[in-house]
Protein backbone atom coordinates (compact mmCIF):
# COMPACT_ATOMS: atom_id res chain seq x y z
CA MET A 1 50.53 -15.69 -12.78
CA ASN A 2 48.33 -18.14 -14.55
CA LYS A 3 45.06 -17.57 -15.72
CA PHE A 4 43.21 -19.18 -12.76
CA SER A 5 45.01 -17.16 -10.36
CA LEU A 6 44.26 -13.95 -12.42
CA PHE A 7 41.13 -14.89 -12.07
CA PHE A 8 40.80 -15.31 -8.53
CA VAL A 9 42.52 -12.01 -7.72
CA PHE A 10 39.80 -10.35 -10.34
CA CYS A 11 36.71 -12.07 -8.36
CA PHE A 12 38.34 -11.43 -4.49
CA CYS A 13 39.25 -7.99 -5.63
CA SER A 14 35.75 -6.73 -7.21
CA THR A 15 33.96 -8.10 -4.09
CA ILE A 16 35.97 -6.02 -1.98
CA LEU A 17 35.70 -3.38 -4.33
CA PHE A 18 31.84 -4.06 -4.77
CA GLY A 19 30.97 -5.88 -1.88
CA GLN A 20 31.05 -3.81 0.83
CA ASN A 21 28.47 -2.29 3.85
CA ILE A 22 28.56 0.87 4.83
CA THR A 23 28.52 1.77 8.29
CA ASN A 24 28.67 5.63 9.57
CA THR A 25 27.94 6.06 13.21
CA LEU A 26 26.76 9.69 13.95
CA ALA A 27 27.96 11.75 16.95
CA ASP A 28 25.81 14.04 19.13
CA GLY A 29 24.12 16.39 17.08
CA GLY A 30 25.62 14.55 14.09
CA VAL A 31 23.75 14.73 10.65
CA PHE A 32 24.10 12.22 7.42
CA TYR A 33 23.75 13.38 3.98
CA ILE A 34 23.27 12.04 0.81
CA LYS A 35 24.22 14.68 -2.21
CA ASP A 36 25.73 15.76 -4.83
CA ALA A 37 27.97 18.42 -5.30
CA THR A 38 25.35 21.13 -4.74
CA THR A 39 21.64 19.32 -3.58
CA ASP A 40 20.90 17.37 -0.80
CA PHE A 41 18.47 14.65 -1.38
CA LEU A 42 18.67 12.79 2.01
CA THR A 43 19.78 13.58 5.55
CA LEU A 44 19.94 11.71 8.70
CA THR A 45 20.34 13.92 12.41
CA GLN A 46 21.41 12.29 15.17
CA SER A 47 19.66 15.00 17.55
CA THR A 48 15.71 13.85 16.33
CA LYS A 49 16.71 10.36 15.17
CA GLU A 50 14.58 11.94 11.74
CA VAL A 51 15.02 10.71 7.86
CA ASN A 52 14.39 14.17 6.00
CA ILE A 53 14.22 13.20 1.70
CA LEU A 54 14.63 16.45 0.67
CA ASN A 55 13.59 15.51 -2.81
CA GLY A 56 10.83 13.27 -4.47
CA LEU A 57 9.98 9.87 -3.27
CA ARG A 58 9.21 7.40 -6.29
CA LEU A 59 7.46 4.15 -5.58
CA GLU A 60 7.10 1.56 -8.17
CA LEU A 61 2.94 0.62 -8.78
CA THR A 62 2.22 -2.08 -6.88
CA GLY A 63 2.18 -4.67 -9.53
CA ASN A 64 0.13 -7.99 -9.90
CA SER A 65 3.15 -10.76 -9.16
CA THR A 66 5.48 -8.47 -7.39
CA SER A 67 3.23 -7.51 -3.71
CA GLY A 68 5.93 -6.06 -2.22
CA THR A 69 6.74 -3.78 -4.63
CA GLY A 70 5.86 0.00 -4.20
CA VAL A 71 4.13 -0.36 -0.60
CA ILE A 72 5.34 1.49 2.16
CA PHE A 73 5.34 -1.02 5.33
CA LYS A 74 3.84 -0.14 9.09
CA GLY A 75 6.59 -2.95 10.49
CA THR A 76 5.72 -6.19 8.35
CA ASP A 77 2.14 -4.87 8.00
CA ARG A 78 0.90 -3.19 4.48
CA PHE A 79 0.04 0.47 5.13
CA ILE A 80 0.15 2.60 1.60
CA HIS A 81 -0.30 0.44 -1.92
CA ASP A 82 -2.00 1.04 -5.20
CA PHE A 83 -2.30 -2.95 -6.08
CA LYS A 84 -3.28 -3.47 -9.63
CA PRO A 85 -5.10 -7.35 -10.58
CA PRO A 86 -3.01 -8.95 -12.47
CA ILE A 87 -5.17 -8.61 -16.38
CA ALA A 88 -6.91 -5.47 -15.68
CA GLY A 89 -8.10 -2.97 -12.69
CA GLY A 90 -6.29 -0.43 -11.54
CA ASN A 91 -6.02 3.24 -10.17
CA ASN A 92 -6.77 1.90 -6.47
CA THR A 93 -5.65 3.77 -3.64
CA PHE A 94 -5.03 1.97 -0.08
CA VAL A 95 -4.27 3.52 2.86
CA GLY A 96 -4.04 2.00 6.55
CA ILE A 97 -3.22 -0.83 8.34
CA ASN A 98 -3.39 -3.68 5.97
CA SER A 99 -6.32 -1.64 3.51
CA GLY A 100 -6.89 -3.50 0.41
CA ASN A 101 -4.92 -6.69 0.13
CA PHE A 102 -2.47 -8.32 -2.72
CA THR A 103 -5.25 -10.75 -4.10
CA MET A 104 -7.87 -9.29 -5.98
CA THR A 105 -8.67 -11.21 -9.75
CA ALA A 106 -9.99 -8.52 -11.84
CA VAL A 107 -10.31 -10.06 -14.95
CA ALA A 108 -12.31 -7.42 -17.14
CA VAL A 109 -11.12 -3.99 -18.03
CA GLU A 110 -13.16 -1.96 -15.34
CA GLN A 111 -12.66 -5.27 -12.72
CA GLY A 112 -10.71 -4.02 -9.54
CA SER A 113 -10.01 -1.01 -10.28
CA ASP A 114 -10.94 2.99 -8.71
CA ASN A 115 -11.57 1.91 -5.67
CA THR A 116 -10.38 3.78 -2.36
CA GLY A 117 -9.72 2.04 1.55
CA LEU A 118 -8.45 4.57 4.06
CA GLY A 119 -8.79 2.98 7.39
CA PHE A 120 -8.02 0.10 9.27
CA ASN A 121 -8.48 -3.45 7.61
CA SER A 122 -10.75 -1.62 5.19
CA LEU A 123 -11.62 -3.32 1.66
CA THR A 124 -9.61 -6.55 2.11
CA GLY A 125 -12.04 -8.94 1.18
CA LEU A 126 -12.07 -7.00 -2.37
CA THR A 127 -12.09 -9.12 -5.66
CA ASN A 128 -12.97 -7.51 -8.54
CA GLY A 129 -15.39 -4.67 -7.68
CA ARG A 130 -15.27 -1.43 -8.41
CA GLN A 131 -15.50 2.31 -7.84
CA ASN A 132 -16.02 1.78 -3.87
CA THR A 133 -14.73 4.06 -1.40
CA ALA A 134 -14.53 2.95 2.43
CA LEU A 135 -13.37 5.32 5.15
CA GLY A 136 -12.59 3.54 8.12
CA SER A 137 -11.86 0.94 10.63
CA TYR A 138 -12.80 -2.60 9.07
CA SER A 139 -15.81 -0.57 6.32
CA SER A 140 -16.49 -2.95 3.54
CA VAL A 141 -13.94 -5.80 4.84
CA SER A 142 -15.89 -8.21 3.30
CA THR A 143 -16.62 -6.44 0.08
CA THR A 144 -16.05 -9.17 -3.07
CA THR A 145 -17.33 -8.35 -6.43
CA GLY A 146 -19.51 -5.23 -5.11
CA SER A 147 -19.33 -2.31 -6.39
CA PHE A 148 -20.23 1.42 -6.59
CA ASN A 149 -20.56 1.42 -2.71
CA THR A 150 -19.59 4.09 -0.58
CA ALA A 151 -19.24 2.95 3.08
CA SER A 152 -18.00 5.80 5.82
CA GLY A 153 -17.47 5.16 9.63
CA TYR A 154 -16.49 2.08 11.23
CA GLN A 155 -17.45 -1.21 10.14
CA SER A 156 -19.95 0.53 8.08
CA LEU A 157 -20.97 -1.81 5.48
CA PHE A 158 -19.37 -4.81 7.18
CA THR A 159 -21.26 -8.15 5.77
CA ASN A 160 -21.64 -6.58 1.71
CA THR A 161 -19.99 -9.02 -0.09
CA THR A 162 -21.62 -8.83 -3.36
CA GLY A 163 -24.06 -5.45 -2.78
CA TYR A 164 -23.98 -2.64 -5.09
CA LYS A 165 -24.98 1.16 -5.20
CA ASN A 166 -25.23 1.54 -1.50
CA SER A 167 -24.61 4.63 0.32
CA ALA A 168 -23.43 3.92 4.55
CA PHE A 169 -22.86 7.08 6.20
CA GLY A 170 -22.00 6.42 10.00
CA ASN A 171 -20.52 3.81 12.45
CA ILE A 172 -22.14 0.26 11.99
CA SER A 173 -24.31 1.80 8.83
CA LEU A 174 -25.50 -1.09 6.77
CA TYR A 175 -23.74 -3.45 9.00
CA SER A 176 -26.29 -6.48 7.89
CA ASN A 177 -25.79 -5.52 4.07
CA ALA A 178 -24.77 -8.87 2.26
CA ASP A 179 -26.36 -8.37 -1.42
CA GLY A 180 -28.45 -5.18 -1.40
CA HIS A 181 -28.61 -2.80 -3.31
CA ASP A 182 -29.59 0.32 -3.90
CA ASN A 183 -30.01 1.67 -0.61
CA ALA A 184 -28.99 4.42 1.69
CA SER A 185 -28.51 5.05 5.64
CA LEU A 186 -27.76 7.77 7.11
CA GLY A 187 -26.54 7.77 11.23
CA TYR A 188 -25.03 5.72 13.81
CA GLN A 189 -26.17 1.79 13.29
CA SER A 190 -28.95 2.84 10.72
């Protein structure tokens, strides 16, 4: 065999050994296990159609250049992530379909940090605001640079962009506040 033939056989064998798919069809009531000699790490049960992770699940931080890293998706929409702006920021938590975003642009250490969005489309406009809490669908959806706001309820602080130190509790509370500060409201449409 010449060197070319030997190289071809090596590449072909490597492809066979390392380039394969694993396909397993479970019979009724079957269970697929990923395990070592004593510990089950993951199971897939045919009868329940459930995947069980039996130990920890580690996600990487959602980074500034890899917005798909460390994200749990529902379909194609982001569902859980902790996006950190490129230069600064961090300690963010976003839970809910399209909560938060992957485009924050904080440039100082504290900007874009310590935000919590919980609910469909909460805190989606955030650029470098910090220490905001938004609970409820569309809560603080327009907030960009506003900081120290608390919005609790459907569409609370909806049009807020740069306003700061506002507290809105109740559906549609402080809805029209755009840039006001130090406001507090309690109750539906307050």
